[in-house]
């Protein structure tokens, strides 16, 4: 569909095995995994998530 943005899963790297399965690949979605340790540094986590959201929005 024209004008429709692709689906993007932005998730913690801990969920890689769950998200990147043969079944999930049929969803026609891009997966972006963040470092699993970011939860330990909330400011870095917030900044990294915002960077990814901004990059997705401008794509």
C-alpha atoms as a PDB file:
ATOM      1  CA  UNK A   1       0.000   0.000   0.000  1.00  0.00           C
ATOM      2  CA  UNK A   2       1.352   3.372  -0.943  1.00  0.00           C
ATOM      3  CA  UNK A   3       2.128   5.683   1.977  1.00  0.00           C
ATOM      4  CA  UNK A   4       2.006   2.864   4.482  1.00  0.00           C
ATOM      5  CA  UNK A   5       5.043   2.484   6.685  1.00  0.00           C
ATOM      6  CA  UNK A   6       6.619  -0.914   7.262  1.00  0.00           C
ATOM      7  CA  UNK A   7       6.086  -2.686  10.555  1.00  0.00           C
ATOM      8  CA  UNK A   8       9.032  -2.519  12.895  1.00  0.00           C
ATOM      9  CA  UNK A   9       9.483  -4.495  16.096  1.00  0.00           C
ATOM     10  CA  UNK A  10      11.753  -2.614  18.457  1.00  0.00           C
ATOM     11  CA  UNK A  11      12.587  -4.944  21.303  1.00  0.00           C
ATOM     12  CA  UNK A  12      15.097  -5.931  23.927  1.00  0.00           C
ATOM     13  CA  UNK A  13      17.740  -8.340  22.652  1.00  0.00           C
ATOM     14  CA  UNK A  14      16.635 -10.818  25.315  1.00  0.00           C
ATOM     15  CA  UNK A  15      13.616 -11.572  23.114  1.00  0.00           C
ATOM     16  CA  UNK A  16      15.626 -12.350  19.965  1.00  0.00           C
ATOM     17  CA  UNK A  17      14.826 -16.070  20.063  1.00  0.00           C
ATOM     18  CA  UNK A  18      11.122 -15.370  20.433  1.00  0.00           C
ATOM     19  CA  UNK A  19      10.834 -12.575  17.883  1.00  0.00           C
ATOM     20  CA  UNK A  20      13.070 -13.938  15.142  1.00  0.00           C
ATOM     21  CA  UNK A  21      11.348 -17.241  14.460  1.00  0.00           C
ATOM     22  CA  UNK A  22      10.243 -18.678  11.120  1.00  0.00           C
ATOM     23  CA  UNK A  23       6.629 -17.823  11.972  1.00  0.00           C
ATOM     24  CA  UNK A  24       7.409 -14.197  12.804  1.00  0.00           C
ATOM     25  CA  UNK A  25       9.279 -13.732   9.518  1.00  0.00           C
ATOM     26  CA  UNK A  26       5.958 -14.087   7.692  1.00  0.00           C
ATOM     27  CA  UNK A  27       4.704 -10.885   9.321  1.00  0.00           C
ATOM     28  CA  UNK A  28       6.637  -8.772   6.807  1.00  0.00           C
ATOM     29  CA  UNK A  29       8.195  -6.734   9.589  1.00  0.00           C
ATOM     30  CA  UNK A  30      11.650  -5.463  10.369  1.00  0.00           C
ATOM     31  CA  UNK A  31      13.124  -6.349  13.752  1.00  0.00           C
ATOM     32  CA  UNK A  32      15.473  -4.048  15.609  1.00  0.00           C
ATOM     33  CA  UNK A  33      16.944  -5.403  18.803  1.00  0.00           C
ATOM     34  CA  UNK A  34      18.404  -3.248  21.534  1.00  0.00           C
ATOM     35  CA  UNK A  35      21.206  -4.296  23.858  1.00  0.00           C
ATOM     36  CA  UNK A  36      19.764  -6.493  26.579  1.00  0.00           C
ATOM     37  CA  UNK A  37      21.730  -4.636  29.265  1.00  0.00           C
ATOM     38  CA  UNK A  38      20.202  -1.234  28.584  1.00  0.00           C
ATOM     39  CA  UNK A  39      17.554  -1.761  31.261  1.00  0.00           C
ATOM     40  CA  UNK A  40      20.304  -1.228  33.844  1.00  0.00           C
ATOM     41  CA  UNK A  41      20.877   2.346  32.642  1.00  0.00           C
ATOM     42  CA  UNK A  42      17.459   3.962  32.164  1.00  0.00           C
ATOM     43  CA  UNK A  43      18.813   7.213  30.719  1.00  0.00           C
ATOM     44  CA  UNK A  44      20.749   5.327  28.056  1.00  0.00           C
ATOM     45  CA  UNK A  45      17.737   3.103  27.427  1.00  0.00           C
ATOM     46  CA  UNK A  46      15.428   6.087  26.945  1.00  0.00           C
ATOM     47  CA  UNK A  47      17.890   7.803  24.629  1.00  0.00           C
ATOM     48  CA  UNK A  48      18.479   4.665  22.545  1.00  0.00           C
ATOM     49  CA  UNK A  49      14.769   3.922  22.186  1.00  0.00           C
ATOM     50  CA  UNK A  50      14.124   7.518  21.133  1.00  0.00           C
ATOM     51  CA  UNK A  51      16.950   7.335  18.565  1.00  0.00           C
ATOM     52  CA  UNK A  52      15.426   4.213  17.073  1.00  0.00           C
ATOM     53  CA  UNK A  53      11.906   5.650  17.015  1.00  0.00           C
ATOM     54  CA  UNK A  54      13.186   8.806  15.313  1.00  0.00           C
ATOM     55  CA  UNK A  55      15.077   6.739  12.734  1.00  0.00           C
ATOM     56  CA  UNK A  56      11.981   4.649  12.015  1.00  0.00           C
ATOM     57  CA  UNK A  57       9.780   7.740  11.736  1.00  0.00           C
ATOM     58  CA  UNK A  58      12.121   9.427   9.262  1.00  0.00           C
ATOM     59  CA  UNK A  59      12.584   6.335   7.088  1.00  0.00           C
END
